[in-house]
Amino acid sequence: MKHIHAQLNLDSLKPGKAQRKKEDNLIKELRCSMQLLRNCLFQNEECKMAALKAHLVPVLHSLWPWFLADDSSMQIALHLLCVYTANYPAGCASLCWASGGQSSFPSARSAAGNSLMHYILKLASRVSNDNSPVQQVVFCLISNLALSHDCKGIIQKSNFLQNFLSLSLPKGSNKNSGNVSTLWLKLLLNISFGEDGQQMVMKINGFLDQIVEMCKYKHKSSQHLALLILHNICFSPANKPKILGNDQAIAVLSACLESNSPAVQRIGAASLWALLHNYQKAKVTLKNPSIRRRIDEAYSLVKKSRSYFYLMPILTFHH
């Protein structure tokens, strides 16, 4: 791949049809190399370590202008990065380093916005609503990277998450989600696994209202993802006053207790329990007669059902 990059650089200085054909052949060779490397890296940490030492990320960074000119190559490169970063924190962190040298040390991290991580976020912002194959892969990649502390920091500073608010939600009775919504929800779920991410998303003005609306989706998978995000942000002490002050959020969580799905019941009950934990003010809000009735009804129902052992410890929180 380094050799192909050197050849592409040389050939770009020699215009003409013959050179164009040669460049096309080099791009085909590059695609094959990336696909082969992707297969080698799949669930293989030893190979990922070798790729890290061989400076895979700086090489891909140097090839980025050619990827931008060719969606097919970009898609393959993003697939390669998805495999490389999966369950490999060191690989994720390497995307935050400066592009200038071939250094494999964290001291080479870039604060100037020229790391591959910055370029990936710029690409994702450009395709954030176009429902293209590149969009799907780049969101999968960022979902991997969102589990890394270093990458999460760049995501926060880039204001990339503001694009979530421009997502057009279905109106009226048509509450079916699109592919773009699902991609965003999967990304936000990964961000919300840690308390730093839970606070990060809540700093986005309008985020809570948007997630609450998405909890009303008819599409079960998307609704479940949105509920899990709402569930996760309930665990951050800094978020509790905002959530308890949002009537729609509390209504959604309490309505979960009346769901026919034990999984949804568990999410709702665990979320309310999390809000109550070490927070006296929550008890005042959750003593609302309507919420109390739903808790009591759910409590009596689960005693008769198979969900008893899963839900009973959660639903006894109000006693």
C-alpha atoms as a PDB file:
ATOM      1  CA  MET A   1       0.000   0.000   0.000  1.00  0.00           C
ATOM      2  CA  LYS A   2       2.934   2.346   0.717  1.00  0.00           C
ATOM      3  CA  HIS A   3       4.405   1.464  -2.678  1.00  0.00           C
ATOM      4  CA  ILE A   4       1.077   2.135  -4.433  1.00  0.00           C
ATOM      5  CA  HIS A   5       0.825   5.509  -2.696  1.00  0.00           C
ATOM      6  CA  ALA A   6       4.317   6.438  -3.917  1.00  0.00           C
ATOM      7  CA  GLN A   7       3.394   5.399  -7.470  1.00  0.00           C
ATOM      8  CA  LEU A   8       0.139   7.364  -7.387  1.00  0.00           C
ATOM      9  CA  ASN A   9       2.044  10.457  -6.296  1.00  0.00           C
ATOM     10  CA  LEU A  10       4.527  10.075  -9.143  1.00  0.00           C
ATOM     11  CA  ASP A  11       1.856   9.391 -11.760  1.00  0.00           C
ATOM     12  CA  SER A  12      -0.190  12.416 -10.714  1.00  0.00           C
ATOM     13  CA  LEU A  13       2.641  14.572 -12.068  1.00  0.00           C
ATOM     14  CA  LYS A  14       2.399  12.969 -15.528  1.00  0.00           C
ATOM     15  CA  PRO A  15      -0.896  13.838 -17.275  1.00  0.00           C
ATOM     16  CA  GLY A  16      -2.192  11.747 -20.174  1.00  0.00           C
ATOM     17  CA  LYS A  17      -4.449   8.787 -21.036  1.00  0.00           C
ATOM     18  CA  ALA A  18      -1.696   6.225 -20.479  1.00  0.00           C
ATOM     19  CA  GLN A  19      -1.033   7.564 -17.007  1.00  0.00           C
ATOM     20  CA  ARG A  20      -4.755   7.612 -16.248  1.00  0.00           C
ATOM     21  CA  LYS A  21      -4.995   3.912 -17.162  1.00  0.00           C
ATOM     22  CA  LYS A  22      -1.961   3.152 -15.010  1.00  0.00           C
ATOM     23  CA  GLU A  23      -3.565   5.017 -12.103  1.00  0.00           C
ATOM     24  CA  ASP A  24      -6.788   3.020 -12.522  1.00  0.00           C
ATOM     25  CA  ASN A  25      -4.787  -0.220 -12.333  1.00  0.00           C
ATOM     26  CA  LEU A  26      -3.007   0.989  -9.208  1.00  0.00           C
ATOM     27  CA  ILE A  27      -6.355   1.837  -7.579  1.00  0.00           C
ATOM     28  CA  LYS A  28      -7.641  -1.682  -8.381  1.00  0.00           C
ATOM     29  CA  GLU A  29      -4.492  -3.145  -6.825  1.00  0.00           C
ATOM     30  CA  LEU A  30      -4.974  -0.927  -3.781  1.00  0.00           C
ATOM     31  CA  ARG A  31      -8.566  -2.125  -3.328  1.00  0.00           C
ATOM     32  CA  CYS A  32      -7.441  -5.769  -3.457  1.00  0.00           C
ATOM     33  CA  SER A  33      -4.683  -5.081  -0.918  1.00  0.00           C
ATOM     34  CA  MET A  34      -7.129  -3.433   1.479  1.00  0.00           C
ATOM     35  CA  GLN A  35      -9.655  -6.264   1.143  1.00  0.00           C
ATOM     36  CA  LEU A  36      -6.950  -8.864   1.771  1.00  0.00           C
ATOM     37  CA  LEU A  37      -5.687  -6.943   4.792  1.00  0.00           C
ATOM     38  CA  ARG A  38      -9.226  -6.585   6.128  1.00  0.00           C
ATOM     39  CA  ASN A  39      -9.650 -10.369   6.014  1.00  0.00           C
ATOM     40  CA  CYS A  40      -6.309 -10.872   7.803  1.00  0.00           C
ATOM     41  CA  LEU A  41      -7.266  -8.468  10.591  1.00  0.00           C
ATOM     42  CA  PHE A  42     -10.722  -9.933  11.248  1.00  0.00           C
ATOM     43  CA  GLN A  43     -10.900 -10.900  14.955  1.00  0.00           C
ATOM     44  CA  ASN A  44      -7.097 -11.239  15.037  1.00  0.00           C
ATOM     45  CA  GLU A  45      -5.420  -9.011  17.618  1.00  0.00           C
ATOM     46  CA  GLU A  46      -1.922 -10.212  16.703  1.00  0.00           C
ATOM     47  CA  CYS A  47      -2.417  -9.027  13.116  1.00  0.00           C
ATOM     48  CA  LYS A  48      -3.904  -5.752  14.351  1.00  0.00           C
ATOM     49  CA  MET A  49      -0.799  -5.145  16.466  1.00  0.00           C
ATOM     50  CA  ALA A  50       1.373  -5.818  13.406  1.00  0.00           C
ATOM     51  CA  ALA A  51      -0.728  -3.357  11.373  1.00  0.00           C
ATOM     52  CA  LEU A  52      -0.341  -0.743  14.117  1.00  0.00           C
ATOM     53  CA  LYS A  53       3.454  -1.158  14.106  1.00  0.00           C
ATOM     54  CA  ALA A  54       3.488  -1.004  10.291  1.00  0.00           C
ATOM     55  CA  HIS A  55       1.690   2.388  10.459  1.00  0.00           C
ATOM     56  CA  LEU A  56      -1.565   1.336   8.786  1.00  0.00           C
ATOM     57  CA  VAL A  57      -3.411   4.506   9.810  1.00  0.00           C
ATOM     58  CA  PRO A  58      -0.785   6.996   8.485  1.00  0.00           C
ATOM     59  CA  VAL A  59      -0.768   5.065   5.184  1.00  0.00           C
ATOM     60  CA  LEU A  60      -4.563   5.267   4.886  1.00  0.00           C
ATOM     61  CA  HIS A  61      -4.397   8.929   5.872  1.00  0.00           C
ATOM     62  CA  SER A  62      -1.937   9.653   3.047  1.00  0.00           C
ATOM     63  CA  LEU A  63      -4.253   7.862   0.581  1.00  0.00           C
ATOM     64  CA  TRP A  64      -7.328   9.811   1.753  1.00  0.00           C
ATOM     65  CA  PRO A  65      -7.418  12.222  -1.260  1.00  0.00           C
ATOM     66  CA  TRP A  66      -7.743   9.233  -3.622  1.00  0.00           C
ATOM     67  CA  PHE A  67     -10.467   7.702  -1.457  1.00  0.00           C
ATOM     68  CA  LEU A  68     -12.428  10.970  -1.553  1.00  0.00           C
ATOM     69  CA  ALA A  69     -12.378  10.827  -5.346  1.00  0.00           C
ATOM     70  CA  ASP A  70     -13.689   7.244  -5.499  1.00  0.00           C
ATOM     71  CA  ASP A  71     -16.633   6.008  -3.400  1.00  0.00           C
ATOM     72  CA  SER A  72     -15.798   2.347  -4.017  1.00  0.00           C
ATOM     73  CA  SER A  73     -12.264   2.737  -2.637  1.00  0.00           C
ATOM     74  CA  MET A  74     -13.566   4.837   0.251  1.00  0.00           C
ATOM     75  CA  GLN A  75     -16.069   2.134   1.164  1.00  0.00           C
ATOM     76  CA  ILE A  76     -13.354  -0.556   1.186  1.00  0.00           C
ATOM     77  CA  ALA A  77     -11.014   1.639   3.260  1.00  0.00           C
ATOM     78  CA  LEU A  78     -13.775   2.315   5.794  1.00  0.00           C
ATOM     79  CA  HIS A  79     -14.591  -1.412   5.986  1.00  0.00           C
ATOM     80  CA  LEU A  80     -10.912  -2.073   6.674  1.00  0.00           C
ATOM     81  CA  LEU A  81     -10.918   0.507   9.474  1.00  0.00           C
ATOM     82  CA  CYS A  82     -14.131  -0.970  10.927  1.00  0.00           C
ATOM     83  CA  VAL A  83     -12.459  -4.369  11.250  1.00  0.00           C
ATOM     84  CA  TYR A  84      -9.202  -2.848  12.519  1.00  0.00           C
ATOM     85  CA  THR A  85     -10.857  -0.780  15.274  1.00  0.00           C
ATOM     86  CA  ALA A  86     -13.337  -3.441  16.466  1.00  0.00           C
ATOM     87  CA  ASN A  87     -12.473  -4.348  20.078  1.00  0.00           C
ATOM     88  CA  TYR A  88      -8.993  -2.837  19.649  1.00  0.00           C
ATOM     89  CA  PRO A  89      -8.535   0.343  21.748  1.00  0.00           C
ATOM     90  CA  ALA A  90      -4.941   0.927  20.591  1.00  0.00           C
ATOM     91  CA  GLY A  91      -6.129   0.897  16.981  1.00  0.00           C
ATOM     92  CA  CYS A  92      -8.903   3.382  17.775  1.00  0.00           C
ATOM     93  CA  ALA A  93      -6.455   5.713  19.534  1.00  0.00           C
ATOM     94  CA  SER A  94      -4.080   5.630  16.554  1.00  0.00           C
ATOM     95  CA  LEU A  95      -6.683   7.449  14.443  1.00  0.00           C
ATOM     96  CA  CYS A  96      -6.272  10.467  16.735  1.00  0.00           C
ATOM     97  CA  TRP A  97      -2.562  10.897  15.992  1.00  0.00           C
ATOM     98  CA  ALA A  98      -1.091  13.548  13.750  1.00  0.00           C
ATOM     99  CA  SER A  99      -0.677  12.568  10.118  1.00  0.00           C
ATOM    100  CA  GLY A 100       2.674  14.188   9.453  1.00  0.00           C
ATOM    101  CA  GLY A 101       5.066  11.451  10.502  1.00  0.00           C
ATOM    102  CA  GLN A 102       5.027   7.691  10.777  1.00  0.00           C
ATOM    103  CA  SER A 103       5.183   7.858  14.570  1.00  0.00           C
ATOM    104  CA  SER A 104       3.329   5.192  16.491  1.00  0.00           C
ATOM    105  CA  PHE A 105       3.471   7.036  19.796  1.00  0.00           C
ATOM    106  CA  PRO A 106       0.509   8.824  21.409  1.00  0.00           C
ATOM    107  CA  SER A 107       2.723  11.923  21.815  1.00  0.00           C
ATOM    108  CA  ALA A 108       2.144  12.493  18.113  1.00  0.00           C
ATOM    109  CA  ARG A 109      -1.541  13.207  18.718  1.00  0.00           C
ATOM    110  CA  SER A 110      -2.873  16.100  16.740  1.00  0.00           C
ATOM    111  CA  ALA A 111      -4.778  18.991  18.224  1.00  0.00           C
ATOM    112  CA  ALA A 112      -4.855  20.896  14.955  1.00  0.00           C
ATOM    113  CA  GLY A 113      -7.675  18.919  13.367  1.00  0.00           C
ATOM    114  CA  ASN A 114      -5.601  17.015  10.809  1.00  0.00           C
ATOM    115  CA  SER A 115      -5.826  13.491  12.239  1.00  0.00           C
ATOM    116  CA  LEU A 116      -7.620  10.726  10.344  1.00  0.00           C
ATOM    117  CA  MET A 117     -10.303  10.862  13.050  1.00  0.00           C
ATOM    118  CA  HIS A 118     -11.031  14.490  12.106  1.00  0.00           C
ATOM    119  CA  TYR A 119     -11.208  13.565   8.408  1.00  0.00           C
ATOM    120  CA  ILE A 120     -13.634  10.711   9.128  1.00  0.00           C
ATOM    121  CA  LEU A 121     -15.916  13.065  11.075  1.00  0.00           C
ATOM    122  CA  LYS A 122     -15.826  15.586   8.211  1.00  0.00           C
ATOM    123  CA  LEU A 123     -16.812  12.819   5.792  1.00  0.00           C
ATOM    124  CA  ALA A 124     -19.615  11.672   8.101  1.00  0.00           C
ATOM    125  CA  SER A 125     -20.931  15.246   8.394  1.00  0.00           C
ATOM    126  CA  ARG A 126     -20.976  15.532   4.604  1.00  0.00           C
ATOM    127  CA  VAL A 127     -22.950  12.292   4.144  1.00  0.00           C
ATOM    128  CA  SER A 128     -24.919  12.392   7.420  1.00  0.00           C
ATOM    129  CA  ASN A 129     -28.322  12.396   5.701  1.00  0.00           C
ATOM    130  CA  ASP A 130     -27.733  10.918   2.236  1.00  0.00           C
ATOM    131  CA  ASN A 131     -28.464   7.222   3.022  1.00  0.00           C
ATOM    132  CA  SER A 132     -25.537   6.020   0.863  1.00  0.00           C
ATOM    133  CA  PRO A 133     -23.345   2.899   1.301  1.00  0.00           C
ATOM    134  CA  VAL A 134     -20.453   5.152   2.392  1.00  0.00           C
ATOM    135  CA  GLN A 135     -22.687   6.754   5.018  1.00  0.00           C
ATOM    136  CA  GLN A 136     -23.608   3.370   6.500  1.00  0.00           C
ATOM    137  CA  VAL A 137     -19.983   2.220   6.795  1.00  0.00           C
ATOM    138  CA  VAL A 138     -18.664   5.524   8.157  1.00  0.00           C
ATOM    139  CA  PHE A 139     -21.318   5.510  10.890  1.00  0.00           C
ATOM    140  CA  CYS A 140     -20.407   1.926  11.809  1.00  0.00           C
ATOM    141  CA  LEU A 141     -16.776   3.028  12.059  1.00  0.00           C
ATOM    142  CA  ILE A 142     -17.583   6.027  14.271  1.00  0.00           C
ATOM    143  CA  SER A 143     -19.711   3.723  16.462  1.00  0.00           C
ATOM    144  CA  ASN A 144     -16.561   1.632  17.048  1.00  0.00           C
ATOM    145  CA  LEU A 145     -14.465   4.728  17.696  1.00  0.00           C
ATOM    146  CA  ALA A 146     -17.032   6.160  20.129  1.00  0.00           C
ATOM    147  CA  LEU A 147     -16.026   3.478  22.638  1.00  0.00           C
ATOM    148  CA  SER A 148     -12.510   4.979  22.788  1.00  0.00           C
ATOM    149  CA  HIS A 149     -11.857   7.798  25.261  1.00  0.00           C
ATOM    150  CA  ASP A 150      -9.492   9.622  22.868  1.00  0.00           C
ATOM    151  CA  CYS A 151     -11.887   9.402  19.933  1.00  0.00           C
ATOM    152  CA  LYS A 152     -14.842  10.431  22.075  1.00  0.00           C
ATOM    153  CA  GLY A 153     -12.956  13.595  23.026  1.00  0.00           C
ATOM    154  CA  ILE A 154     -12.477  14.533  19.368  1.00  0.00           C
ATOM    155  CA  ILE A 155     -16.142  13.769  18.618  1.00  0.00           C
ATOM    156  CA  GLN A 156     -17.160  16.166  21.386  1.00  0.00           C
ATOM    157  CA  LYS A 157     -14.835  18.979  20.281  1.00  0.00           C
ATOM    158  CA  SER A 158     -15.813  18.641  16.616  1.00  0.00           C
ATOM    159  CA  ASN A 159     -19.523  19.418  17.226  1.00  0.00           C
ATOM    160  CA  PHE A 160     -20.309  16.471  14.920  1.00  0.00           C
ATOM    161  CA  LEU A 161     -23.196  15.386  17.163  1.00  0.00           C
ATOM    162  CA  GLN A 162     -25.057  18.622  16.376  1.00  0.00           C
ATOM    163  CA  ASN A 163     -25.962  16.937  13.067  1.00  0.00           C
ATOM    164  CA  PHE A 164     -28.251  14.626  15.054  1.00  0.00           C
ATOM    165  CA  LEU A 165     -30.629  17.530  15.647  1.00  0.00           C
ATOM    166  CA  SER A 166     -31.031  18.078  11.890  1.00  0.00           C
ATOM    167  CA  LEU A 167     -32.429  14.563  11.529  1.00  0.00           C
ATOM    168  CA  SER A 168     -35.977  14.826  10.193  1.00  0.00           C
ATOM    169  CA  LEU A 169     -38.361  12.826  12.367  1.00  0.00           C
ATOM    170  CA  PRO A 170     -41.535  11.233  10.921  1.00  0.00           C
ATOM    171  CA  LYS A 171     -44.682  13.264  11.543  1.00  0.00           C
ATOM    172  CA  GLY A 172     -48.138  12.322  12.793  1.00  0.00           C
ATOM    173  CA  SER A 173     -49.145   8.666  12.901  1.00  0.00           C
ATOM    174  CA  ASN A 174     -46.245   7.676  10.628  1.00  0.00           C
ATOM    175  CA  LYS A 175     -43.678   6.898  13.304  1.00  0.00           C
ATOM    176  CA  ASN A 176     -41.550   4.502  11.265  1.00  0.00           C
ATOM    177  CA  SER A 177     -37.840   5.284  11.398  1.00  0.00           C
ATOM    178  CA  GLY A 178     -35.435   5.325   8.476  1.00  0.00           C
ATOM    179  CA  ASN A 179     -31.983   3.807   8.079  1.00  0.00           C
ATOM    180  CA  VAL A 180     -30.335   7.126   8.927  1.00  0.00           C
ATOM    181  CA  SER A 181     -32.140   7.271  12.288  1.00  0.00           C
ATOM    182  CA  THR A 182     -30.997   3.751  13.134  1.00  0.00           C
ATOM    183  CA  LEU A 183     -27.366   4.606  12.315  1.00  0.00           C
ATOM    184  CA  TRP A 184     -27.510   7.638  14.593  1.00  0.00           C
ATOM    185  CA  LEU A 185     -29.131   5.658  17.417  1.00  0.00           C
ATOM    186  CA  LYS A 186     -26.482   2.919  17.293  1.00  0.00           C
ATOM    187  CA  LEU A 187     -23.750   5.555  17.462  1.00  0.00           C
ATOM    188  CA  LEU A 188     -25.381   7.439  20.334  1.00  0.00           C
ATOM    189  CA  LEU A 189     -25.941   4.197  22.246  1.00  0.00           C
ATOM    190  CA  ASN A 190     -22.200   3.459  22.159  1.00  0.00           C
ATOM    191  CA  ILE A 191     -21.414   7.012  23.266  1.00  0.00           C
ATOM    192  CA  SER A 192     -23.875   6.710  26.172  1.00  0.00           C
ATOM    193  CA  PHE A 193     -22.223   3.636  27.709  1.00  0.00           C
ATOM    194  CA  GLY A 194     -19.851   5.830  29.765  1.00  0.00           C
ATOM    195  CA  GLU A 195     -20.724   8.693  32.092  1.00  0.00           C
ATOM    196  CA  ASP A 196     -18.597  11.128  30.068  1.00  0.00           C
ATOM    197  CA  GLY A 197     -20.654  10.241  26.989  1.00  0.00           C
ATOM    198  CA  GLN A 198     -23.930  10.462  28.924  1.00  0.00           C
ATOM    199  CA  GLN A 199     -23.091  14.027  29.898  1.00  0.00           C
ATOM    200  CA  MET A 200     -21.729  14.857  26.443  1.00  0.00           C
ATOM    201  CA  VAL A 201     -24.993  14.070  24.644  1.00  0.00           C
ATOM    202  CA  MET A 202     -27.095  15.923  27.210  1.00  0.00           C
ATOM    203  CA  LYS A 203     -25.095  19.093  26.542  1.00  0.00           C
ATOM    204  CA  ILE A 204     -26.586  19.142  23.032  1.00  0.00           C
ATOM    205  CA  ASN A 205     -29.501  21.557  23.233  1.00  0.00           C
ATOM    206  CA  GLY A 206     -32.633  19.651  22.187  1.00  0.00           C
ATOM    207  CA  PHE A 207     -31.085  16.173  22.466  1.00  0.00           C
ATOM    208  CA  LEU A 208     -33.431  14.907  25.182  1.00  0.00           C
ATOM    209  CA  ASP A 209     -36.576  16.013  23.328  1.00  0.00           C
ATOM    210  CA  GLN A 210     -35.326  14.345  20.140  1.00  0.00           C
ATOM    211  CA  ILE A 211     -34.570  11.033  21.882  1.00  0.00           C
ATOM    212  CA  VAL A 212     -37.935  11.059  23.660  1.00  0.00           C
ATOM    213  CA  GLU A 213     -39.688  11.490  20.292  1.00  0.00           C
ATOM    214  CA  MET A 214     -37.680   8.594  18.857  1.00  0.00           C
ATOM    215  CA  CYS A 215     -38.794   6.422  21.786  1.00  0.00           C
ATOM    216  CA  LYS A 216     -42.287   6.641  20.239  1.00  0.00           C
ATOM    217  CA  TYR A 217     -41.218   5.029  16.944  1.00  0.00           C
ATOM    218  CA  LYS A 218     -43.316   2.106  15.739  1.00  0.00           C
ATOM    219  CA  HIS A 219     -40.203   0.347  14.437  1.00  0.00           C
ATOM    220  CA  LYS A 220     -39.357  -1.931  17.384  1.00  0.00           C
ATOM    221  CA  SER A 221     -35.594  -2.023  16.817  1.00  0.00           C
ATOM    222  CA  SER A 222     -35.236   1.771  16.629  1.00  0.00           C
ATOM    223  CA  GLN A 223     -37.608   2.288  19.550  1.00  0.00           C
ATOM    224  CA  HIS A 224     -35.566  -0.166  21.626  1.00  0.00           C
ATOM    225  CA  LEU A 225     -32.303   1.649  20.787  1.00  0.00           C
ATOM    226  CA  ALA A 226     -33.805   5.036  21.726  1.00  0.00           C
ATOM    227  CA  LEU A 227     -35.131   3.630  25.021  1.00  0.00           C
ATOM    228  CA  LEU A 228     -31.710   2.173  25.849  1.00  0.00           C
ATOM    229  CA  ILE A 229     -30.088   5.581  25.267  1.00  0.00           C
ATOM    230  CA  LEU A 230     -32.679   7.248  27.518  1.00  0.00           C
ATOM    231  CA  HIS A 231     -32.055   4.478  30.072  1.00  0.00           C
ATOM    232  CA  ASN A 232     -28.276   5.049  29.995  1.00  0.00           C
ATOM    233  CA  ILE A 233     -28.407   8.821  30.452  1.00  0.00           C
ATOM    234  CA  CYS A 234     -30.584   8.329  33.564  1.00  0.00           C
ATOM    235  CA  PHE A 235     -27.535   6.930  35.386  1.00  0.00           C
ATOM    236  CA  SER A 236     -25.525  10.161  35.302  1.00  0.00           C
ATOM    237  CA  PRO A 237     -26.165  12.288  38.434  1.00  0.00           C
ATOM    238  CA  ALA A 238     -25.657  15.471  36.387  1.00  0.00           C
ATOM    239  CA  ASN A 239     -28.462  14.460  33.998  1.00  0.00           C
ATOM    240  CA  LYS A 240     -31.126  13.540  36.558  1.00  0.00           C
ATOM    241  CA  PRO A 241     -32.591  17.045  37.153  1.00  0.00           C
ATOM    242  CA  LYS A 242     -32.996  17.626  33.393  1.00  0.00           C
ATOM    243  CA  ILE A 243     -34.693  14.266  32.820  1.00  0.00           C
ATOM    244  CA  LEU A 244     -37.002  14.608  35.824  1.00  0.00           C
ATOM    245  CA  GLY A 245     -37.896  18.106  34.636  1.00  0.00           C
ATOM    246  CA  ASN A 246     -38.987  16.753  31.248  1.00  0.00           C
ATOM    247  CA  ASP A 247     -42.596  15.539  31.538  1.00  0.00           C
ATOM    248  CA  GLN A 248     -42.458  13.706  28.207  1.00  0.00           C
ATOM    249  CA  ALA A 249     -39.367  11.729  29.241  1.00  0.00           C
ATOM    250  CA  ILE A 250     -40.985  10.613  32.507  1.00  0.00           C
ATOM    251  CA  ALA A 251     -44.205   9.762  30.643  1.00  0.00           C
ATOM    252  CA  VAL A 252     -42.283   7.563  28.183  1.00  0.00           C
ATOM    253  CA  LEU A 253     -40.432   5.727  30.971  1.00  0.00           C
ATOM    254  CA  SER A 254     -43.548   5.148  33.065  1.00  0.00           C
ATOM    255  CA  ALA A 255     -45.462   3.968  29.966  1.00  0.00           C
ATOM    256  CA  CYS A 256     -42.784   1.289  29.509  1.00  0.00           C
ATOM    257  CA  LEU A 257     -44.155  -0.413  32.638  1.00  0.00           C
ATOM    258  CA  GLU A 258     -47.404  -1.122  30.761  1.00  0.00           C
ATOM    259  CA  SER A 259     -45.651  -2.612  27.729  1.00  0.00           C
ATOM    260  CA  ASN A 260     -46.325  -6.184  26.617  1.00  0.00           C
ATOM    261  CA  SER A 261     -42.571  -6.632  26.199  1.00  0.00           C
ATOM    262  CA  PRO A 262     -40.659  -7.712  29.342  1.00  0.00           C
ATOM    263  CA  ALA A 263     -37.510  -6.148  27.827  1.00  0.00           C
ATOM    264  CA  VAL A 264     -39.221  -2.745  27.529  1.00  0.00           C
ATOM    265  CA  GLN A 265     -40.649  -3.120  31.051  1.00  0.00           C
ATOM    266  CA  ARG A 266     -37.148  -3.756  32.388  1.00  0.00           C
ATOM    267  CA  ILE A 267     -35.744  -0.697  30.601  1.00  0.00           C
ATOM    268  CA  GLY A 268     -38.486   1.540  32.015  1.00  0.00           C
ATOM    269  CA  ALA A 269     -38.224   0.173  35.558  1.00  0.00           C
ATOM    270  CA  ALA A 270     -34.408   0.277  35.607  1.00  0.00           C
ATOM    271  CA  SER A 271     -34.436   3.862  34.304  1.00  0.00           C
ATOM    272  CA  LEU A 272     -36.831   5.039  37.018  1.00  0.00           C
ATOM    273  CA  TRP A 273     -34.781   3.175  39.609  1.00  0.00           C
ATOM    274  CA  ALA A 274     -31.598   4.875  38.365  1.00  0.00           C
ATOM    275  CA  LEU A 275     -33.258   8.297  38.661  1.00  0.00           C
ATOM    276  CA  LEU A 276     -34.234   7.529  42.262  1.00  0.00           C
ATOM    277  CA  HIS A 277     -30.814   6.257  43.330  1.00  0.00           C
ATOM    278  CA  ASN A 278     -29.119   8.751  45.675  1.00  0.00           C
ATOM    279  CA  TYR A 279     -31.454  11.530  44.523  1.00  0.00           C
ATOM    280  CA  GLN A 280     -34.145  12.561  47.002  1.00  0.00           C
ATOM    281  CA  LYS A 281     -35.816  15.052  44.655  1.00  0.00           C
ATOM    282  CA  ALA A 282     -36.710  12.197  42.309  1.00  0.00           C
ATOM    283  CA  LYS A 283     -38.980  10.670  44.932  1.00  0.00           C
ATOM    284  CA  VAL A 284     -41.226  13.733  44.844  1.00  0.00           C
ATOM    285  CA  THR A 285     -41.626  13.525  41.049  1.00  0.00           C
ATOM    286  CA  LEU A 286     -42.101   9.766  40.966  1.00  0.00           C
ATOM    287  CA  LYS A 287     -44.730   9.772  43.740  1.00  0.00           C
ATOM    288  CA  ASN A 288     -47.128  11.116  41.112  1.00  0.00           C
ATOM    289  CA  PRO A 289     -50.351   9.017  41.453  1.00  0.00           C
ATOM    290  CA  SER A 290     -50.313   8.066  37.760  1.00  0.00           C
ATOM    291  CA  ILE A 291     -46.739   6.765  37.928  1.00  0.00           C
ATOM    292  CA  ARG A 292     -47.386   5.051  41.282  1.00  0.00           C
ATOM    293  CA  ARG A 293     -50.409   3.266  39.818  1.00  0.00           C
ATOM    294  CA  ARG A 294     -48.374   1.990  36.862  1.00  0.00           C
ATOM    295  CA  ILE A 295     -45.627   0.727  39.173  1.00  0.00           C
ATOM    296  CA  ASP A 296     -48.156  -1.063  41.397  1.00  0.00           C
ATOM    297  CA  GLU A 297     -49.902  -2.655  38.410  1.00  0.00           C
ATOM    298  CA  ALA A 298     -46.608  -3.789  36.880  1.00  0.00           C
ATOM    299  CA  TYR A 299     -45.533  -5.128  40.278  1.00  0.00           C
ATOM    300  CA  SER A 300     -48.680  -7.227  40.666  1.00  0.00           C
ATOM    301  CA  LEU A 301     -48.475  -8.524  37.089  1.00  0.00           C
ATOM    302  CA  VAL A 302     -44.857  -9.646  37.219  1.00  0.00           C
ATOM    303  CA  LYS A 303     -45.530 -11.642  40.381  1.00  0.00           C
ATOM    304  CA  LYS A 304     -47.747 -13.854  38.204  1.00  0.00           C
ATOM    305  CA  SER A 305     -45.453 -14.011  35.173  1.00  0.00           C
ATOM    306  CA  ARG A 306     -42.156 -15.498  34.056  1.00  0.00           C
ATOM    307  CA  SER A 307     -40.592 -12.055  34.386  1.00  0.00           C
ATOM    308  CA  TYR A 308     -40.840 -12.286  38.192  1.00  0.00           C
ATOM    309  CA  PHE A 309     -37.161 -12.890  38.888  1.00  0.00           C
ATOM    310  CA  TYR A 310     -36.047 -10.233  36.381  1.00  0.00           C
ATOM    311  CA  LEU A 311     -38.385  -7.408  37.297  1.00  0.00           C
ATOM    312  CA  MET A 312     -39.236  -7.923  40.976  1.00  0.00           C
ATOM    313  CA  PRO A 313     -35.994  -6.415  42.380  1.00  0.00           C
ATOM    314  CA  ILE A 314     -36.481  -3.351  40.172  1.00  0.00           C
ATOM    315  CA  LEU A 315     -40.173  -2.760  40.841  1.00  0.00           C
ATOM    316  CA  THR A 316     -39.762  -2.927  44.626  1.00  0.00           C
ATOM    317  CA  PHE A 317     -37.803   0.344  44.557  1.00  0.00           C
ATOM    318  CA  HIS A 318     -40.878   2.413  45.423  1.00  0.00           C
ATOM    319  CA  HIS A 319     -41.704   0.598  48.660  1.00  0.00           C
END
